[in-house]
């Protein structure tokens, strides 16, 4: 048995899913920004109730480890580690972009999208990283990683080689701000309404559980990719 609770807080979505041997049992999610901390506990309870189980039955917790929202990642990982410590079960970390690509490929197949008829195409998940920068990676039509996770500043030539080779599907909240740069490319496809979900972790997490690929609870930290910077307000001049 692989009864796993999956947590996604790396993007604007706050999503909790429960699966058993790869089969979805329960799901609770909210797709609004800045709600992670206020709803995560309720969503876990809702997903557990919907699955008809209790927390003590869980065999593992999986969590979206990043890259993504700094605050969201901290909340998700802290919640996952707390559950693992309390329940004495292992933790599985899932790359956020990998999970997004799994979700998009499943979506394309289930909707018989025209790209599925192409022999070769690329899916390119994008997470907004401020200004014209995104966290991204590239995967082929089989889900194989073709370009690793990176923080990338986008311009009109960034994906020239990929677009010259075949169709590229751009998706995630980072794709919205670059759409105007690539609309003129015939091979560029955009799915701006893509919503991330904890359900996309089910396949890789079940595989990791089967192979006992677990994180070290003591040392595990989110994959931030970049340091977090805050903007300090300018000091006001002293009044005489």
C-alpha atoms as a PDB file:
ATOM      1  CA  UNK A   1       0.000   0.000   0.000  1.00  0.00           C
ATOM      2  CA  UNK A   2       1.174   3.537  -0.810  1.00  0.00           C
ATOM      3  CA  UNK A   3      -1.283   5.884   0.875  1.00  0.00           C
ATOM      4  CA  UNK A   4       0.264   9.317   0.290  1.00  0.00           C
ATOM      5  CA  UNK A   5      -0.837  12.868   1.078  1.00  0.00           C
ATOM      6  CA  UNK A   6       0.422  15.407  -1.491  1.00  0.00           C
ATOM      7  CA  UNK A   7       0.902  19.129  -0.785  1.00  0.00           C
ATOM      8  CA  UNK A   8       1.287  21.882  -3.422  1.00  0.00           C
ATOM      9  CA  UNK A   9       2.017  25.467  -2.306  1.00  0.00           C
ATOM     10  CA  UNK A  10       4.847  26.469  -4.646  1.00  0.00           C
ATOM     11  CA  UNK A  11       2.571  28.475  -6.962  1.00  0.00           C
ATOM     12  CA  UNK A  12      -0.605  30.495  -6.452  1.00  0.00           C
ATOM     13  CA  UNK A  13      -2.528  27.252  -5.918  1.00  0.00           C
ATOM     14  CA  UNK A  14      -2.926  25.707  -2.492  1.00  0.00           C
ATOM     15  CA  UNK A  15      -3.730  22.094  -3.207  1.00  0.00           C
ATOM     16  CA  UNK A  16      -3.894  18.871  -1.188  1.00  0.00           C
ATOM     17  CA  UNK A  17      -4.486  15.422  -2.656  1.00  0.00           C
ATOM     18  CA  UNK A  18      -4.528  11.903  -1.277  1.00  0.00           C
ATOM     19  CA  UNK A  19      -3.699   8.857  -3.367  1.00  0.00           C
ATOM     20  CA  UNK A  20      -3.510   5.128  -2.805  1.00  0.00           C
ATOM     21  CA  UNK A  21      -1.135   3.200  -5.089  1.00  0.00           C
ATOM     22  CA  UNK A  22      -1.397   5.959  -7.673  1.00  0.00           C
ATOM     23  CA  UNK A  23      -5.181   6.311  -7.534  1.00  0.00           C
ATOM     24  CA  UNK A  24      -6.681   9.644  -6.453  1.00  0.00           C
ATOM     25  CA  UNK A  25      -8.856   9.297  -3.344  1.00  0.00           C
ATOM     26  CA  UNK A  26      -9.393  12.880  -2.213  1.00  0.00           C
ATOM     27  CA  UNK A  27      -8.684  16.433  -3.370  1.00  0.00           C
ATOM     28  CA  UNK A  28      -9.127  19.894  -1.881  1.00  0.00           C
ATOM     29  CA  UNK A  29      -7.686  23.051  -3.403  1.00  0.00           C
ATOM     30  CA  UNK A  30      -7.952  26.815  -3.698  1.00  0.00           C
ATOM     31  CA  UNK A  31      -6.537  28.730  -6.639  1.00  0.00           C
ATOM     32  CA  UNK A  32      -6.015  32.205  -5.216  1.00  0.00           C
ATOM     33  CA  UNK A  33      -2.823  34.032  -4.343  1.00  0.00           C
ATOM     34  CA  UNK A  34      -1.516  34.501  -0.814  1.00  0.00           C
ATOM     35  CA  UNK A  35      -3.875  32.009   0.836  1.00  0.00           C
ATOM     36  CA  UNK A  36      -1.422  29.210   1.596  1.00  0.00           C
ATOM     37  CA  UNK A  37      -1.039  29.822   5.317  1.00  0.00           C
ATOM     38  CA  UNK A  38      -4.712  30.484   5.989  1.00  0.00           C
ATOM     39  CA  UNK A  39      -6.184  27.486   4.169  1.00  0.00           C
ATOM     40  CA  UNK A  40      -3.607  24.670   4.177  1.00  0.00           C
ATOM     41  CA  UNK A  41      -4.806  23.079   7.431  1.00  0.00           C
ATOM     42  CA  UNK A  42      -8.461  23.156   6.369  1.00  0.00           C
ATOM     43  CA  UNK A  43      -7.624  21.704   2.953  1.00  0.00           C
ATOM     44  CA  UNK A  44      -5.726  18.815   4.521  1.00  0.00           C
ATOM     45  CA  UNK A  45      -8.722  18.059   6.720  1.00  0.00           C
ATOM     46  CA  UNK A  46     -11.075  18.318   3.754  1.00  0.00           C
ATOM     47  CA  UNK A  47      -8.961  15.998   1.591  1.00  0.00           C
ATOM     48  CA  UNK A  48      -8.636  13.431   4.379  1.00  0.00           C
ATOM     49  CA  UNK A  49     -12.390  13.457   4.984  1.00  0.00           C
ATOM     50  CA  UNK A  50     -13.103  13.177   1.264  1.00  0.00           C
ATOM     51  CA  UNK A  51     -10.765  10.193   0.986  1.00  0.00           C
ATOM     52  CA  UNK A  52     -12.489   8.453   3.895  1.00  0.00           C
ATOM     53  CA  UNK A  53      -9.276   7.923   5.843  1.00  0.00           C
ATOM     54  CA  UNK A  54      -7.522   9.352   8.881  1.00  0.00           C
ATOM     55  CA  UNK A  55      -4.007  10.781   9.062  1.00  0.00           C
ATOM     56  CA  UNK A  56      -2.669   7.820  11.020  1.00  0.00           C
ATOM     57  CA  UNK A  57      -3.214   5.604   7.979  1.00  0.00           C
ATOM     58  CA  UNK A  58      -0.829   7.583   5.765  1.00  0.00           C
ATOM     59  CA  UNK A  59       2.377   5.945   4.562  1.00  0.00           C
ATOM     60  CA  UNK A  60       4.146   9.088   3.342  1.00  0.00           C
ATOM     61  CA  UNK A  61       3.827  12.801   2.561  1.00  0.00           C
ATOM     62  CA  UNK A  62       4.900  14.361  -0.734  1.00  0.00           C
ATOM     63  CA  UNK A  63       5.469  18.077  -1.159  1.00  0.00           C
ATOM     64  CA  UNK A  64       6.244  20.360  -4.066  1.00  0.00           C
ATOM     65  CA  UNK A  65       9.801  21.393  -3.182  1.00  0.00           C
ATOM     66  CA  UNK A  66      10.303  24.193  -5.711  1.00  0.00           C
ATOM     67  CA  UNK A  67      11.248  26.296  -7.426  1.00  0.00           C
ATOM     68  CA  UNK A  68       8.398  28.699  -6.790  1.00  0.00           C
ATOM     69  CA  UNK A  69       7.012  31.194  -4.320  1.00  0.00           C
ATOM     70  CA  UNK A  70       9.433  31.675  -1.432  1.00  0.00           C
ATOM     71  CA  UNK A  71       6.691  32.056   1.157  1.00  0.00           C
ATOM     72  CA  UNK A  72       4.531  29.332  -0.371  1.00  0.00           C
ATOM     73  CA  UNK A  73       7.412  26.856  -0.370  1.00  0.00           C
ATOM     74  CA  UNK A  74       8.234  27.577   3.269  1.00  0.00           C
ATOM     75  CA  UNK A  75       4.627  26.974   4.293  1.00  0.00           C
ATOM     76  CA  UNK A  76       4.246  23.775   2.295  1.00  0.00           C
ATOM     77  CA  UNK A  77       7.538  22.232   3.385  1.00  0.00           C
ATOM     78  CA  UNK A  78       7.052  23.195   7.037  1.00  0.00           C
ATOM     79  CA  UNK A  79       3.576  21.636   6.996  1.00  0.00           C
ATOM     80  CA  UNK A  80       4.813  18.464   5.311  1.00  0.00           C
ATOM     81  CA  UNK A  81       7.756  18.056   7.679  1.00  0.00           C
ATOM     82  CA  UNK A  82       5.537  18.631  10.693  1.00  0.00           C
ATOM     83  CA  UNK A  83       3.164  15.877   9.564  1.00  0.00           C
ATOM     84  CA  UNK A  84       6.042  13.504   8.866  1.00  0.00           C
ATOM     85  CA  UNK A  85       7.572  14.082  12.292  1.00  0.00           C
ATOM     86  CA  UNK A  86       4.241  13.677  14.053  1.00  0.00           C
ATOM     87  CA  UNK A  87       3.152  10.588  12.135  1.00  0.00           C
ATOM     88  CA  UNK A  88       6.669   9.118  11.872  1.00  0.00           C
ATOM     89  CA  UNK A  89       6.408   8.622   8.117  1.00  0.00           C
ATOM     90  CA  UNK A  90       8.800   9.528   5.268  1.00  0.00           C
ATOM     91  CA  UNK A  91       8.859  12.692   3.170  1.00  0.00           C
ATOM     92  CA  UNK A  92       9.029  12.795  -0.634  1.00  0.00           C
ATOM     93  CA  UNK A  93      10.136  15.992  -2.397  1.00  0.00           C
ATOM     94  CA  UNK A  94       8.861  16.634  -5.935  1.00  0.00           C
ATOM     95  CA  UNK A  95      10.298  19.225  -8.327  1.00  0.00           C
ATOM     96  CA  UNK A  96       7.506  21.721  -9.018  1.00  0.00           C
ATOM     97  CA  UNK A  97       8.280  22.103 -12.720  1.00  0.00           C
ATOM     98  CA  UNK A  98       8.386  18.325 -13.210  1.00  0.00           C
ATOM     99  CA  UNK A  99       4.959  17.974 -11.610  1.00  0.00           C
ATOM    100  CA  UNK A 100       3.593  20.800 -13.775  1.00  0.00           C
ATOM    101  CA  UNK A 101       4.865  19.096 -16.917  1.00  0.00           C
ATOM    102  CA  UNK A 102       3.178  15.848 -15.891  1.00  0.00           C
ATOM    103  CA  UNK A 103      -0.083  17.719 -15.444  1.00  0.00           C
ATOM    104  CA  UNK A 104       0.161  19.479 -18.789  1.00  0.00           C
ATOM    105  CA  UNK A 105       1.036  16.315 -20.714  1.00  0.00           C
ATOM    106  CA  UNK A 106      -1.917  14.515 -19.132  1.00  0.00           C
ATOM    107  CA  UNK A 107      -4.146  17.451 -20.052  1.00  0.00           C
ATOM    108  CA  UNK A 108      -2.991  17.428 -23.669  1.00  0.00           C
ATOM    109  CA  UNK A 109      -3.580  13.691 -23.996  1.00  0.00           C
ATOM    110  CA  UNK A 110      -6.998  13.676 -22.336  1.00  0.00           C
ATOM    111  CA  UNK A 111      -8.195  16.532 -24.561  1.00  0.00           C
ATOM    112  CA  UNK A 112      -6.739  15.055 -27.748  1.00  0.00           C
ATOM    113  CA  UNK A 113      -4.862  18.296 -28.369  1.00  0.00           C
ATOM    114  CA  UNK A 114      -3.540  18.812 -31.892  1.00  0.00           C
ATOM    115  CA  UNK A 115       0.047  18.779 -30.611  1.00  0.00           C
ATOM    116  CA  UNK A 116      -0.305  15.125 -29.684  1.00  0.00           C
ATOM    117  CA  UNK A 117      -0.353  14.355 -33.408  1.00  0.00           C
ATOM    118  CA  UNK A 118       3.117  15.860 -33.777  1.00  0.00           C
ATOM    119  CA  UNK A 119       6.011  13.396 -33.445  1.00  0.00           C
ATOM    120  CA  UNK A 120       8.124  15.814 -31.394  1.00  0.00           C
ATOM    121  CA  UNK A 121       7.121  18.725 -29.191  1.00  0.00           C
ATOM    122  CA  UNK A 122       8.252  20.437 -26.006  1.00  0.00           C
ATOM    123  CA  UNK A 123       6.373  21.467 -22.885  1.00  0.00           C
ATOM    124  CA  UNK A 124       7.787  24.444 -21.032  1.00  0.00           C
ATOM    125  CA  UNK A 125       6.406  25.127 -17.530  1.00  0.00           C
ATOM    126  CA  UNK A 126       6.995  28.669 -16.285  1.00  0.00           C
ATOM    127  CA  UNK A 127       6.705  30.152 -12.811  1.00  0.00           C
ATOM    128  CA  UNK A 128       6.790  33.931 -12.441  1.00  0.00           C
ATOM    129  CA  UNK A 129      10.020  35.141 -10.811  1.00  0.00           C
ATOM    130  CA  UNK A 130       9.464  38.927 -11.082  1.00  0.00           C
ATOM    131  CA  UNK A 131       9.935  41.284 -14.022  1.00  0.00           C
ATOM    132  CA  UNK A 132      10.886  39.306 -17.155  1.00  0.00           C
ATOM    133  CA  UNK A 133      12.421  36.409 -15.247  1.00  0.00           C
ATOM    134  CA  UNK A 134      10.880  32.960 -14.869  1.00  0.00           C
ATOM    135  CA  UNK A 135      11.720  29.622 -13.302  1.00  0.00           C
ATOM    136  CA  UNK A 136      11.540  27.113 -16.102  1.00  0.00           C
ATOM    137  CA  UNK A 137      12.657  23.784 -17.568  1.00  0.00           C
ATOM    138  CA  UNK A 138      11.845  21.873 -20.737  1.00  0.00           C
ATOM    139  CA  UNK A 139      10.434  18.385 -21.218  1.00  0.00           C
ATOM    140  CA  UNK A 140       9.710  16.439 -24.392  1.00  0.00           C
ATOM    141  CA  UNK A 141       6.434  14.790 -25.368  1.00  0.00           C
ATOM    142  CA  UNK A 142       7.373  11.704 -23.306  1.00  0.00           C
ATOM    143  CA  UNK A 143       8.035  13.725 -20.160  1.00  0.00           C
ATOM    144  CA  UNK A 144      11.814  13.410 -20.392  1.00  0.00           C
ATOM    145  CA  UNK A 145      13.801  16.396 -19.147  1.00  0.00           C
ATOM    146  CA  UNK A 146      15.573  18.125 -22.044  1.00  0.00           C
ATOM    147  CA  UNK A 147      16.718  21.343 -20.327  1.00  0.00           C
ATOM    148  CA  UNK A 148      17.149  21.533 -16.572  1.00  0.00           C
ATOM    149  CA  UNK A 149      15.605  23.879 -14.028  1.00  0.00           C
ATOM    150  CA  UNK A 150      16.874  27.438 -14.244  1.00  0.00           C
ATOM    151  CA  UNK A 151      16.011  31.055 -13.531  1.00  0.00           C
ATOM    152  CA  UNK A 152      15.818  32.672 -16.961  1.00  0.00           C
ATOM    153  CA  UNK A 153      15.422  36.257 -18.146  1.00  0.00           C
ATOM    154  CA  UNK A 154      13.142  36.198 -21.180  1.00  0.00           C
ATOM    155  CA  UNK A 155      13.580  38.083 -24.430  1.00  0.00           C
ATOM    156  CA  UNK A 156      12.343  37.512 -27.994  1.00  0.00           C
ATOM    157  CA  UNK A 157      15.263  35.181 -28.805  1.00  0.00           C
ATOM    158  CA  UNK A 158      15.319  33.010 -25.683  1.00  0.00           C
ATOM    159  CA  UNK A 159      13.485  30.038 -27.180  1.00  0.00           C
ATOM    160  CA  UNK A 160      14.519  30.525 -30.803  1.00  0.00           C
ATOM    161  CA  UNK A 161      16.154  27.092 -31.135  1.00  0.00           C
ATOM    162  CA  UNK A 162      13.255  25.198 -29.540  1.00  0.00           C
ATOM    163  CA  UNK A 163      10.650  26.995 -31.654  1.00  0.00           C
ATOM    164  CA  UNK A 164      12.664  26.371 -34.819  1.00  0.00           C
ATOM    165  CA  UNK A 165      12.720  22.637 -34.037  1.00  0.00           C
ATOM    166  CA  UNK A 166       9.014  22.135 -33.377  1.00  0.00           C
ATOM    167  CA  UNK A 167       5.965  23.074 -31.299  1.00  0.00           C
ATOM    168  CA  UNK A 168       6.500  24.388 -27.769  1.00  0.00           C
ATOM    169  CA  UNK A 169       3.699  24.592 -25.202  1.00  0.00           C
ATOM    170  CA  UNK A 170       4.262  27.427 -22.712  1.00  0.00           C
ATOM    171  CA  UNK A 171       2.185  27.339 -19.529  1.00  0.00           C
ATOM    172  CA  UNK A 172       2.127  28.479 -15.917  1.00  0.00           C
ATOM    173  CA  UNK A 173       1.789  31.987 -14.488  1.00  0.00           C
ATOM    174  CA  UNK A 174       5.172  32.983 -15.932  1.00  0.00           C
ATOM    175  CA  UNK A 175       3.987  32.390 -19.497  1.00  0.00           C
ATOM    176  CA  UNK A 176       1.453  35.220 -19.418  1.00  0.00           C
ATOM    177  CA  UNK A 177       4.027  37.986 -19.378  1.00  0.00           C
ATOM    178  CA  UNK A 178       5.993  36.619 -22.337  1.00  0.00           C
ATOM    179  CA  UNK A 179       3.097  35.719 -24.601  1.00  0.00           C
ATOM    180  CA  UNK A 180       3.375  38.990 -26.527  1.00  0.00           C
ATOM    181  CA  UNK A 181       7.004  38.158 -27.390  1.00  0.00           C
ATOM    182  CA  UNK A 182       6.174  34.817 -28.982  1.00  0.00           C
ATOM    183  CA  UNK A 183       2.728  35.207 -30.513  1.00  0.00           C
ATOM    184  CA  UNK A 184       4.339  35.692 -33.924  1.00  0.00           C
ATOM    185  CA  UNK A 185       5.985  32.263 -33.775  1.00  0.00           C
ATOM    186  CA  UNK A 186       3.809  29.634 -35.428  1.00  0.00           C
ATOM    187  CA  UNK A 187       5.179  26.900 -33.190  1.00  0.00           C
ATOM    188  CA  UNK A 188       4.397  28.724 -29.926  1.00  0.00           C
ATOM    189  CA  UNK A 189       1.312  27.551 -28.013  1.00  0.00           C
ATOM    190  CA  UNK A 190       0.074  29.077 -24.767  1.00  0.00           C
ATOM    191  CA  UNK A 191      -2.129  27.616 -22.016  1.00  0.00           C
ATOM    192  CA  UNK A 192      -2.621  30.622 -19.794  1.00  0.00           C
ATOM    193  CA  UNK A 193      -5.436  29.015 -17.791  1.00  0.00           C
ATOM    194  CA  UNK A 194      -3.241  26.193 -16.474  1.00  0.00           C
ATOM    195  CA  UNK A 195      -3.667  25.654 -12.725  1.00  0.00           C
ATOM    196  CA  UNK A 196      -1.151  23.714 -10.693  1.00  0.00           C
ATOM    197  CA  UNK A 197      -2.437  20.846  -8.565  1.00  0.00           C
ATOM    198  CA  UNK A 198      -1.188  18.383  -5.969  1.00  0.00           C
ATOM    199  CA  UNK A 199      -2.624  15.630  -8.186  1.00  0.00           C
ATOM    200  CA  UNK A 200       0.339  16.109 -10.533  1.00  0.00           C
ATOM    201  CA  UNK A 201       2.630  14.761  -7.797  1.00  0.00           C
ATOM    202  CA  UNK A 202       0.875  11.390  -7.603  1.00  0.00           C
ATOM    203  CA  UNK A 203       2.840   9.573 -10.322  1.00  0.00           C
ATOM    204  CA  UNK A 204       6.377  10.658  -9.305  1.00  0.00           C
ATOM    205  CA  UNK A 205       5.604  10.369  -5.582  1.00  0.00           C
ATOM    206  CA  UNK A 206       4.235   6.836  -5.937  1.00  0.00           C
ATOM    207  CA  UNK A 207       7.318   5.864  -7.913  1.00  0.00           C
ATOM    208  CA  UNK A 208       9.612   7.427  -5.298  1.00  0.00           C
ATOM    209  CA  UNK A 209       7.761   5.621  -2.511  1.00  0.00           C
ATOM    210  CA  UNK A 210       8.138   2.278  -4.281  1.00  0.00           C
ATOM    211  CA  UNK A 211      11.896   2.847  -4.592  1.00  0.00           C
ATOM    212  CA  UNK A 212      12.222   4.267  -1.042  1.00  0.00           C
ATOM    213  CA  UNK A 213      13.533   7.578  -2.353  1.00  0.00           C
ATOM    214  CA  UNK A 214      12.878   9.739   0.699  1.00  0.00           C
ATOM    215  CA  UNK A 215      14.191  13.073   1.939  1.00  0.00           C
ATOM    216  CA  UNK A 216      16.200  13.547   5.108  1.00  0.00           C
ATOM    217  CA  UNK A 217      13.736  15.258   7.433  1.00  0.00           C
ATOM    218  CA  UNK A 218      16.444  17.038   9.389  1.00  0.00           C
ATOM    219  CA  UNK A 219      18.244  18.614   6.439  1.00  0.00           C
ATOM    220  CA  UNK A 220      15.505  18.964   3.792  1.00  0.00           C
ATOM    221  CA  UNK A 221      14.881  22.517   2.619  1.00  0.00           C
ATOM    222  CA  UNK A 222      12.856  23.951  -0.277  1.00  0.00           C
ATOM    223  CA  UNK A 223      14.579  24.365  -3.637  1.00  0.00           C
ATOM    224  CA  UNK A 224      14.403  28.153  -3.818  1.00  0.00           C
ATOM    225  CA  UNK A 225      16.762  28.385  -6.827  1.00  0.00           C
ATOM    226  CA  UNK A 226      17.388  32.062  -6.010  1.00  0.00           C
ATOM    227  CA  UNK A 227      17.959  33.906  -2.773  1.00  0.00           C
ATOM    228  CA  UNK A 228      15.009  35.820  -1.401  1.00  0.00           C
ATOM    229  CA  UNK A 229      15.412  39.584  -1.423  1.00  0.00           C
ATOM    230  CA  UNK A 230      13.249  42.135   0.302  1.00  0.00           C
ATOM    231  CA  UNK A 231      13.096  45.778  -0.651  1.00  0.00           C
ATOM    232  CA  UNK A 232      13.974  48.082   2.202  1.00  0.00           C
ATOM    233  CA  UNK A 233      12.059  51.325   2.277  1.00  0.00           C
ATOM    234  CA  UNK A 234      14.174  54.426   1.824  1.00  0.00           C
ATOM    235  CA  UNK A 235      14.919  56.274   5.047  1.00  0.00           C
ATOM    236  CA  UNK A 236      13.164  59.559   5.416  1.00  0.00           C
ATOM    237  CA  UNK A 237      15.389  62.569   5.985  1.00  0.00           C
ATOM    238  CA  UNK A 238      15.451  63.826   9.550  1.00  0.00           C
ATOM    239  CA  UNK A 239      13.353  66.870  10.245  1.00  0.00           C
ATOM    240  CA  UNK A 240      15.177  69.821  11.787  1.00  0.00           C
END
